[in-house]
């Protein structure tokens, strides 16, 4: 796997970029911009041709658990802007079938079918079934609700999306399949973990190095779907 480089081109650690608060820009926006400019995963995602730094998270999850296999059938939920879809296409090869779904518009990804769809829509399951034409080996979900700044509210809203991903998995995963789903720590994810243990042989929390330490996000990797 191509690991992000953490040093400047001259072989020394690059100096942090400081961003001044401009007129009309909120302090929180300035902090976000400064963090982006000093994040090695952001810079290396651009160098690697990935659309988002989160691509590294999937790379690291797969390096650890080895669930992206050649020729696999993949359903990628919450795919925009397409970083995870790119990684799946890269690692599973031309013989794979990859369907990427998001409520937001997303540019095409070579080797994948992109669907603009709201997973909260009751008819979304039928649309996915028609597009996939069968069961899938792996379901990826990096879905997260827009943040409000209130941690508990964000947790509850994201957990609702997790429940949708689990329901999709129960309908579309093959026996022995894998579900990877993002959760926010806050209490309710324990109920989801216990629920998944009833349907999968192995379920674990994984926080990849690319996930910021201060972020409440972590990932549940559920392997060996019992059907």
C-alpha atoms as a PDB file:
ATOM      1  CA  UNK A   1       0.000   0.000   0.000  1.00  0.00           C
ATOM      2  CA  UNK A   2       1.169   3.526  -0.723  1.00  0.00           C
ATOM      3  CA  UNK A   3       1.610   5.167   2.663  1.00  0.00           C
ATOM      4  CA  UNK A   4       1.251   8.945   3.075  1.00  0.00           C
ATOM      5  CA  UNK A   5       4.544  10.742   3.306  1.00  0.00           C
ATOM      6  CA  UNK A   6       4.974  12.800   6.451  1.00  0.00           C
ATOM      7  CA  UNK A   7       8.109  14.677   5.428  1.00  0.00           C
ATOM      8  CA  UNK A   8       8.810  17.481   3.023  1.00  0.00           C
ATOM      9  CA  UNK A   9      10.491  16.764  -0.317  1.00  0.00           C
ATOM     10  CA  UNK A  10      13.903  17.815   1.019  1.00  0.00           C
ATOM     11  CA  UNK A  11      13.722  14.963   3.540  1.00  0.00           C
ATOM     12  CA  UNK A  12      12.988  17.177   6.551  1.00  0.00           C
ATOM     13  CA  UNK A  13       9.719  17.508   8.338  1.00  0.00           C
ATOM     14  CA  UNK A  14       7.743  20.365   6.788  1.00  0.00           C
ATOM     15  CA  UNK A  15       6.961  23.410   8.897  1.00  0.00           C
ATOM     16  CA  UNK A  16       3.354  23.889   9.925  1.00  0.00           C
ATOM     17  CA  UNK A  17       1.354  26.305   7.818  1.00  0.00           C
ATOM     18  CA  UNK A  18      -0.297  29.045   9.849  1.00  0.00           C
ATOM     19  CA  UNK A  19      -3.533  30.576   8.573  1.00  0.00           C
ATOM     20  CA  UNK A  20      -4.684  33.994   9.700  1.00  0.00           C
ATOM     21  CA  UNK A  21      -8.359  34.626  10.258  1.00  0.00           C
ATOM     22  CA  UNK A  22      -9.514  36.654   7.266  1.00  0.00           C
ATOM     23  CA  UNK A  23     -12.310  39.184   7.365  1.00  0.00           C
ATOM     24  CA  UNK A  24     -15.631  37.393   7.004  1.00  0.00           C
ATOM     25  CA  UNK A  25     -14.171  33.974   7.811  1.00  0.00           C
ATOM     26  CA  UNK A  26     -15.215  32.286  11.036  1.00  0.00           C
ATOM     27  CA  UNK A  27     -12.563  31.174  13.497  1.00  0.00           C
ATOM     28  CA  UNK A  28     -13.795  27.582  13.119  1.00  0.00           C
ATOM     29  CA  UNK A  29     -13.309  27.821   9.341  1.00  0.00           C
ATOM     30  CA  UNK A  30      -9.772  29.094   9.847  1.00  0.00           C
ATOM     31  CA  UNK A  31      -8.991  26.168  12.154  1.00  0.00           C
ATOM     32  CA  UNK A  32     -10.403  23.720   9.587  1.00  0.00           C
ATOM     33  CA  UNK A  33      -8.341  25.284   6.785  1.00  0.00           C
ATOM     34  CA  UNK A  34      -5.160  25.210   8.875  1.00  0.00           C
ATOM     35  CA  UNK A  35      -5.770  21.577   9.771  1.00  0.00           C
ATOM     36  CA  UNK A  36      -6.296  20.662   6.112  1.00  0.00           C
ATOM     37  CA  UNK A  37      -3.133  22.448   4.987  1.00  0.00           C
ATOM     38  CA  UNK A  38      -1.064  20.647   7.634  1.00  0.00           C
ATOM     39  CA  UNK A  39      -2.620  17.192   7.220  1.00  0.00           C
ATOM     40  CA  UNK A  40      -0.227  14.753   5.472  1.00  0.00           C
ATOM     41  CA  UNK A  41      -3.150  12.533   4.469  1.00  0.00           C
ATOM     42  CA  UNK A  42      -4.764  15.410   2.551  1.00  0.00           C
ATOM     43  CA  UNK A  43      -1.565  16.152   0.633  1.00  0.00           C
ATOM     44  CA  UNK A  44      -0.840  12.511  -0.095  1.00  0.00           C
ATOM     45  CA  UNK A  45      -4.404  11.818  -1.220  1.00  0.00           C
ATOM     46  CA  UNK A  46      -3.877  14.473  -3.890  1.00  0.00           C
ATOM     47  CA  UNK A  47      -0.532  12.980  -4.885  1.00  0.00           C
ATOM     48  CA  UNK A  48      -2.044   9.497  -5.115  1.00  0.00           C
ATOM     49  CA  UNK A  49      -4.984  10.759  -7.165  1.00  0.00           C
ATOM     50  CA  UNK A  50      -7.579  10.032  -4.489  1.00  0.00           C
ATOM     51  CA  UNK A  51     -10.521  12.403  -4.185  1.00  0.00           C
ATOM     52  CA  UNK A  52     -10.492  12.494  -0.385  1.00  0.00           C
ATOM     53  CA  UNK A  53      -8.193  11.827   2.572  1.00  0.00           C
ATOM     54  CA  UNK A  54     -10.717   9.211   3.746  1.00  0.00           C
ATOM     55  CA  UNK A  55      -9.429   6.923   0.983  1.00  0.00           C
ATOM     56  CA  UNK A  56      -6.501   6.174   3.291  1.00  0.00           C
ATOM     57  CA  UNK A  57      -8.924   4.963   5.966  1.00  0.00           C
ATOM     58  CA  UNK A  58     -10.272   2.265   3.661  1.00  0.00           C
ATOM     59  CA  UNK A  59      -6.732   1.354   2.558  1.00  0.00           C
ATOM     60  CA  UNK A  60      -5.741   0.870   6.192  1.00  0.00           C
ATOM     61  CA  UNK A  61      -8.889  -1.053   7.098  1.00  0.00           C
ATOM     62  CA  UNK A  62      -8.322  -3.394   4.163  1.00  0.00           C
ATOM     63  CA  UNK A  63      -4.609  -3.770   4.908  1.00  0.00           C
ATOM     64  CA  UNK A  64      -5.618  -5.043   8.326  1.00  0.00           C
ATOM     65  CA  UNK A  65      -8.646  -7.219   7.464  1.00  0.00           C
ATOM     66  CA  UNK A  66      -8.110  -8.091   3.739  1.00  0.00           C
ATOM     67  CA  UNK A  67     -11.755  -7.917   2.631  1.00  0.00           C
ATOM     68  CA  UNK A  68     -11.271  -6.227  -0.780  1.00  0.00           C
ATOM     69  CA  UNK A  69     -10.542  -9.140  -3.086  1.00  0.00           C
ATOM     70  CA  UNK A  70     -10.073  -9.443  -6.835  1.00  0.00           C
ATOM     71  CA  UNK A  71     -13.385  -9.776  -8.674  1.00  0.00           C
ATOM     72  CA  UNK A  72     -15.497  -8.897  -5.622  1.00  0.00           C
ATOM     73  CA  UNK A  73     -18.973  -7.396  -5.838  1.00  0.00           C
ATOM     74  CA  UNK A  74     -18.954  -4.171  -3.787  1.00  0.00           C
ATOM     75  CA  UNK A  75     -21.704  -1.793  -2.665  1.00  0.00           C
ATOM     76  CA  UNK A  76     -20.320   1.552  -1.474  1.00  0.00           C
ATOM     77  CA  UNK A  77     -22.825   3.643   0.520  1.00  0.00           C
ATOM     78  CA  UNK A  78     -22.177   7.319   1.205  1.00  0.00           C
ATOM     79  CA  UNK A  79     -19.599   7.199  -1.557  1.00  0.00           C
ATOM     80  CA  UNK A  80     -19.197  10.882  -2.508  1.00  0.00           C
ATOM     81  CA  UNK A  81     -16.777  12.309  -3.449  1.00  0.00           C
ATOM     82  CA  UNK A  82     -15.519   8.863  -4.423  1.00  0.00           C
ATOM     83  CA  UNK A  83     -12.319   8.135  -2.478  1.00  0.00           C
ATOM     84  CA  UNK A  84     -13.524   4.783  -1.142  1.00  0.00           C
ATOM     85  CA  UNK A  85     -14.891   3.829  -4.559  1.00  0.00           C
ATOM     86  CA  UNK A  86     -11.494   4.543  -6.110  1.00  0.00           C
ATOM     87  CA  UNK A  87      -9.756   2.306  -3.568  1.00  0.00           C
ATOM     88  CA  UNK A  88     -12.286  -0.500  -4.100  1.00  0.00           C
ATOM     89  CA  UNK A  89     -11.871  -0.322  -7.883  1.00  0.00           C
ATOM     90  CA  UNK A  90      -8.080  -0.239  -7.548  1.00  0.00           C
ATOM     91  CA  UNK A  91      -7.876  -3.218  -5.200  1.00  0.00           C
ATOM     92  CA  UNK A  92     -10.632  -5.411  -6.633  1.00  0.00           C
ATOM     93  CA  UNK A  93      -9.635  -5.060 -10.278  1.00  0.00           C
ATOM     94  CA  UNK A  94     -11.442  -4.910 -13.599  1.00  0.00           C
ATOM     95  CA  UNK A  95     -13.382  -8.123 -12.985  1.00  0.00           C
ATOM     96  CA  UNK A  96     -15.134  -6.610  -9.950  1.00  0.00           C
ATOM     97  CA  UNK A  97     -18.620  -5.101  -9.808  1.00  0.00           C
ATOM     98  CA  UNK A  98     -18.794  -1.865  -7.830  1.00  0.00           C
ATOM     99  CA  UNK A  99     -21.905   0.229  -7.219  1.00  0.00           C
ATOM    100  CA  UNK A 100     -21.404   3.584  -5.487  1.00  0.00           C
ATOM    101  CA  UNK A 101     -24.390   5.333  -3.899  1.00  0.00           C
ATOM    102  CA  UNK A 102     -24.764   8.804  -2.425  1.00  0.00           C
ATOM    103  CA  UNK A 103     -27.449  11.447  -1.986  1.00  0.00           C
ATOM    104  CA  UNK A 104     -24.892  13.965  -3.298  1.00  0.00           C
ATOM    105  CA  UNK A 105     -23.854  14.176  -6.930  1.00  0.00           C
ATOM    106  CA  UNK A 106     -20.570  12.430  -7.655  1.00  0.00           C
ATOM    107  CA  UNK A 107     -18.232  12.349 -10.620  1.00  0.00           C
ATOM    108  CA  UNK A 108     -17.893   8.956 -12.364  1.00  0.00           C
ATOM    109  CA  UNK A 109     -15.211   6.527 -11.184  1.00  0.00           C
ATOM    110  CA  UNK A 110     -13.598   4.127 -13.639  1.00  0.00           C
ATOM    111  CA  UNK A 111     -14.756   0.592 -12.924  1.00  0.00           C
ATOM    112  CA  UNK A 112     -17.819   1.622 -10.896  1.00  0.00           C
ATOM    113  CA  UNK A 113     -21.480   2.464 -11.412  1.00  0.00           C
ATOM    114  CA  UNK A 114     -22.549   5.640  -9.610  1.00  0.00           C
ATOM    115  CA  UNK A 115     -26.120   6.147  -8.384  1.00  0.00           C
ATOM    116  CA  UNK A 116     -27.496   9.401  -6.974  1.00  0.00           C
ATOM    117  CA  UNK A 117     -29.886   8.102  -4.315  1.00  0.00           C
ATOM    118  CA  UNK A 118     -31.150   8.954  -0.824  1.00  0.00           C
ATOM    119  CA  UNK A 119     -30.830   5.814   1.290  1.00  0.00           C
ATOM    120  CA  UNK A 120     -33.558   7.149   3.606  1.00  0.00           C
ATOM    121  CA  UNK A 121     -36.018   6.836   0.712  1.00  0.00           C
ATOM    122  CA  UNK A 122     -38.186   3.705   1.203  1.00  0.00           C
ATOM    123  CA  UNK A 123     -37.782   2.876  -2.500  1.00  0.00           C
ATOM    124  CA  UNK A 124     -33.975   2.953  -2.369  1.00  0.00           C
ATOM    125  CA  UNK A 125     -33.747  -0.802  -1.700  1.00  0.00           C
ATOM    126  CA  UNK A 126     -35.588  -1.597  -4.923  1.00  0.00           C
ATOM    127  CA  UNK A 127     -33.326   0.708  -6.914  1.00  0.00           C
ATOM    128  CA  UNK A 128     -30.208  -0.942  -5.483  1.00  0.00           C
ATOM    129  CA  UNK A 129     -31.564  -4.435  -6.082  1.00  0.00           C
ATOM    130  CA  UNK A 130     -32.275  -3.608  -9.712  1.00  0.00           C
ATOM    131  CA  UNK A 131     -28.798  -2.159 -10.210  1.00  0.00           C
ATOM    132  CA  UNK A 132     -26.844  -4.921  -8.472  1.00  0.00           C
ATOM    133  CA  UNK A 133     -28.842  -7.817  -9.863  1.00  0.00           C
ATOM    134  CA  UNK A 134     -27.906 -10.109  -6.969  1.00  0.00           C
ATOM    135  CA  UNK A 135     -25.987 -10.373  -3.726  1.00  0.00           C
ATOM    136  CA  UNK A 136     -22.689  -8.588  -2.971  1.00  0.00           C
ATOM    137  CA  UNK A 137     -19.529  -9.696  -1.191  1.00  0.00           C
ATOM    138  CA  UNK A 138     -18.814  -6.461   0.657  1.00  0.00           C
ATOM    139  CA  UNK A 139     -20.883  -3.478   1.752  1.00  0.00           C
ATOM    140  CA  UNK A 140     -18.967  -0.317   2.643  1.00  0.00           C
ATOM    141  CA  UNK A 141     -20.669   2.521   4.470  1.00  0.00           C
ATOM    142  CA  UNK A 142     -18.896   5.793   5.182  1.00  0.00           C
ATOM    143  CA  UNK A 143     -22.267   7.508   5.528  1.00  0.00           C
ATOM    144  CA  UNK A 144     -22.511  10.318   8.074  1.00  0.00           C
ATOM    145  CA  UNK A 145     -25.149  12.979   8.606  1.00  0.00           C
ATOM    146  CA  UNK A 146     -24.130  16.641   8.235  1.00  0.00           C
ATOM    147  CA  UNK A 147     -22.671  17.709  11.570  1.00  0.00           C
ATOM    148  CA  UNK A 148     -24.510  20.178  13.782  1.00  0.00           C
ATOM    149  CA  UNK A 149     -21.728  20.789  16.293  1.00  0.00           C
ATOM    150  CA  UNK A 150     -23.767  19.047  18.990  1.00  0.00           C
ATOM    151  CA  UNK A 151     -21.966  15.742  19.546  1.00  0.00           C
ATOM    152  CA  UNK A 152     -24.918  13.733  20.833  1.00  0.00           C
ATOM    153  CA  UNK A 153     -27.203  14.924  18.030  1.00  0.00           C
ATOM    154  CA  UNK A 154     -24.567  14.075  15.428  1.00  0.00           C
ATOM    155  CA  UNK A 155     -24.147  10.656  17.018  1.00  0.00           C
ATOM    156  CA  UNK A 156     -27.860   9.862  16.879  1.00  0.00           C
ATOM    157  CA  UNK A 157     -28.222  11.044  13.267  1.00  0.00           C
ATOM    158  CA  UNK A 158     -25.237   9.030  12.095  1.00  0.00           C
ATOM    159  CA  UNK A 159     -26.422   5.932  13.967  1.00  0.00           C
ATOM    160  CA  UNK A 160     -29.689   6.150  12.034  1.00  0.00           C
ATOM    161  CA  UNK A 161     -27.652   5.879   8.824  1.00  0.00           C
ATOM    162  CA  UNK A 162     -25.743   2.933  10.316  1.00  0.00           C
ATOM    163  CA  UNK A 163     -29.033   1.139  10.860  1.00  0.00           C
ATOM    164  CA  UNK A 164     -29.887   1.689   7.197  1.00  0.00           C
ATOM    165  CA  UNK A 165     -26.527   0.184   6.192  1.00  0.00           C
ATOM    166  CA  UNK A 166     -27.197  -2.862   8.384  1.00  0.00           C
ATOM    167  CA  UNK A 167     -30.624  -3.320   6.824  1.00  0.00           C
ATOM    168  CA  UNK A 168     -29.091  -3.125   3.349  1.00  0.00           C
ATOM    169  CA  UNK A 169     -26.539  -5.736   4.418  1.00  0.00           C
ATOM    170  CA  UNK A 170     -29.248  -8.114   5.588  1.00  0.00           C
ATOM    171  CA  UNK A 171     -30.910  -7.897   2.195  1.00  0.00           C
ATOM    172  CA  UNK A 172     -27.909  -7.843  -0.116  1.00  0.00           C
ATOM    173  CA  UNK A 173     -24.881  -9.555   1.481  1.00  0.00           C
ATOM    174  CA  UNK A 174     -23.902 -13.078   0.466  1.00  0.00           C
ATOM    175  CA  UNK A 175     -23.342 -15.682   3.159  1.00  0.00           C
ATOM    176  CA  UNK A 176     -19.824 -15.056   4.460  1.00  0.00           C
ATOM    177  CA  UNK A 177     -19.941 -11.424   3.313  1.00  0.00           C
ATOM    178  CA  UNK A 178     -18.419  -8.368   5.004  1.00  0.00           C
ATOM    179  CA  UNK A 179     -19.931  -5.097   6.238  1.00  0.00           C
ATOM    180  CA  UNK A 180     -17.749  -2.080   7.043  1.00  0.00           C
ATOM    181  CA  UNK A 181     -19.689   0.781   8.617  1.00  0.00           C
ATOM    182  CA  UNK A 182     -18.677   4.099  10.182  1.00  0.00           C
ATOM    183  CA  UNK A 183     -20.078   4.842  13.631  1.00  0.00           C
ATOM    184  CA  UNK A 184     -19.686   7.749  16.031  1.00  0.00           C
ATOM    185  CA  UNK A 185     -18.830   6.890  19.621  1.00  0.00           C
ATOM    186  CA  UNK A 186     -21.530   7.974  22.000  1.00  0.00           C
ATOM    187  CA  UNK A 187     -23.252   4.956  23.505  1.00  0.00           C
ATOM    188  CA  UNK A 188     -25.718   3.713  20.902  1.00  0.00           C
ATOM    189  CA  UNK A 189     -22.977   2.058  18.821  1.00  0.00           C
ATOM    190  CA  UNK A 190     -22.746  -0.667  21.492  1.00  0.00           C
ATOM    191  CA  UNK A 191     -26.314  -1.717  20.691  1.00  0.00           C
ATOM    192  CA  UNK A 192     -25.390  -1.891  17.005  1.00  0.00           C
ATOM    193  CA  UNK A 193     -22.296  -3.944  17.833  1.00  0.00           C
ATOM    194  CA  UNK A 194     -24.359  -6.447  19.811  1.00  0.00           C
ATOM    195  CA  UNK A 195     -26.943  -6.619  17.041  1.00  0.00           C
ATOM    196  CA  UNK A 196     -24.298  -7.334  14.402  1.00  0.00           C
ATOM    197  CA  UNK A 197     -22.821 -10.131  16.516  1.00  0.00           C
ATOM    198  CA  UNK A 198     -26.089 -12.002  16.057  1.00  0.00           C
ATOM    199  CA  UNK A 199     -25.645 -12.037  12.264  1.00  0.00           C
ATOM    200  CA  UNK A 200     -21.846 -12.108  11.745  1.00  0.00           C
ATOM    201  CA  UNK A 201     -19.125 -14.493  12.895  1.00  0.00           C
ATOM    202  CA  UNK A 202     -16.672 -11.742  13.795  1.00  0.00           C
ATOM    203  CA  UNK A 203     -17.352  -8.065  14.629  1.00  0.00           C
ATOM    204  CA  UNK A 204     -14.753  -5.569  15.836  1.00  0.00           C
ATOM    205  CA  UNK A 205     -14.108  -1.865  16.267  1.00  0.00           C
ATOM    206  CA  UNK A 206     -11.244  -0.530  14.165  1.00  0.00           C
ATOM    207  CA  UNK A 207      -9.957   3.054  14.194  1.00  0.00           C
ATOM    208  CA  UNK A 208      -7.511   3.414  11.281  1.00  0.00           C
ATOM    209  CA  UNK A 209      -4.503   5.741  11.716  1.00  0.00           C
ATOM    210  CA  UNK A 210      -5.945   8.130   9.093  1.00  0.00           C
ATOM    211  CA  UNK A 211      -8.944   8.777  11.343  1.00  0.00           C
ATOM    212  CA  UNK A 212      -8.112  11.879  13.363  1.00  0.00           C
ATOM    213  CA  UNK A 213      -7.531  11.190  17.041  1.00  0.00           C
ATOM    214  CA  UNK A 214      -9.932  13.915  18.106  1.00  0.00           C
ATOM    215  CA  UNK A 215     -12.712  12.554  15.882  1.00  0.00           C
ATOM    216  CA  UNK A 216     -15.413  10.410  17.559  1.00  0.00           C
ATOM    217  CA  UNK A 217     -15.614   8.238  14.435  1.00  0.00           C
ATOM    218  CA  UNK A 218     -14.591   4.609  14.382  1.00  0.00           C
ATOM    219  CA  UNK A 219     -15.481   1.688  12.111  1.00  0.00           C
ATOM    220  CA  UNK A 220     -17.244  -1.580  12.741  1.00  0.00           C
ATOM    221  CA  UNK A 221     -15.899  -4.386  10.565  1.00  0.00           C
ATOM    222  CA  UNK A 222     -18.345  -7.301  10.542  1.00  0.00           C
ATOM    223  CA  UNK A 223     -17.095 -10.461   8.811  1.00  0.00           C
ATOM    224  CA  UNK A 224     -18.721 -13.797   8.015  1.00  0.00           C
ATOM    225  CA  UNK A 225     -22.370 -12.906   7.440  1.00  0.00           C
ATOM    226  CA  UNK A 226     -24.494 -15.876   8.461  1.00  0.00           C
ATOM    227  CA  UNK A 227     -27.456 -15.009   6.254  1.00  0.00           C
END
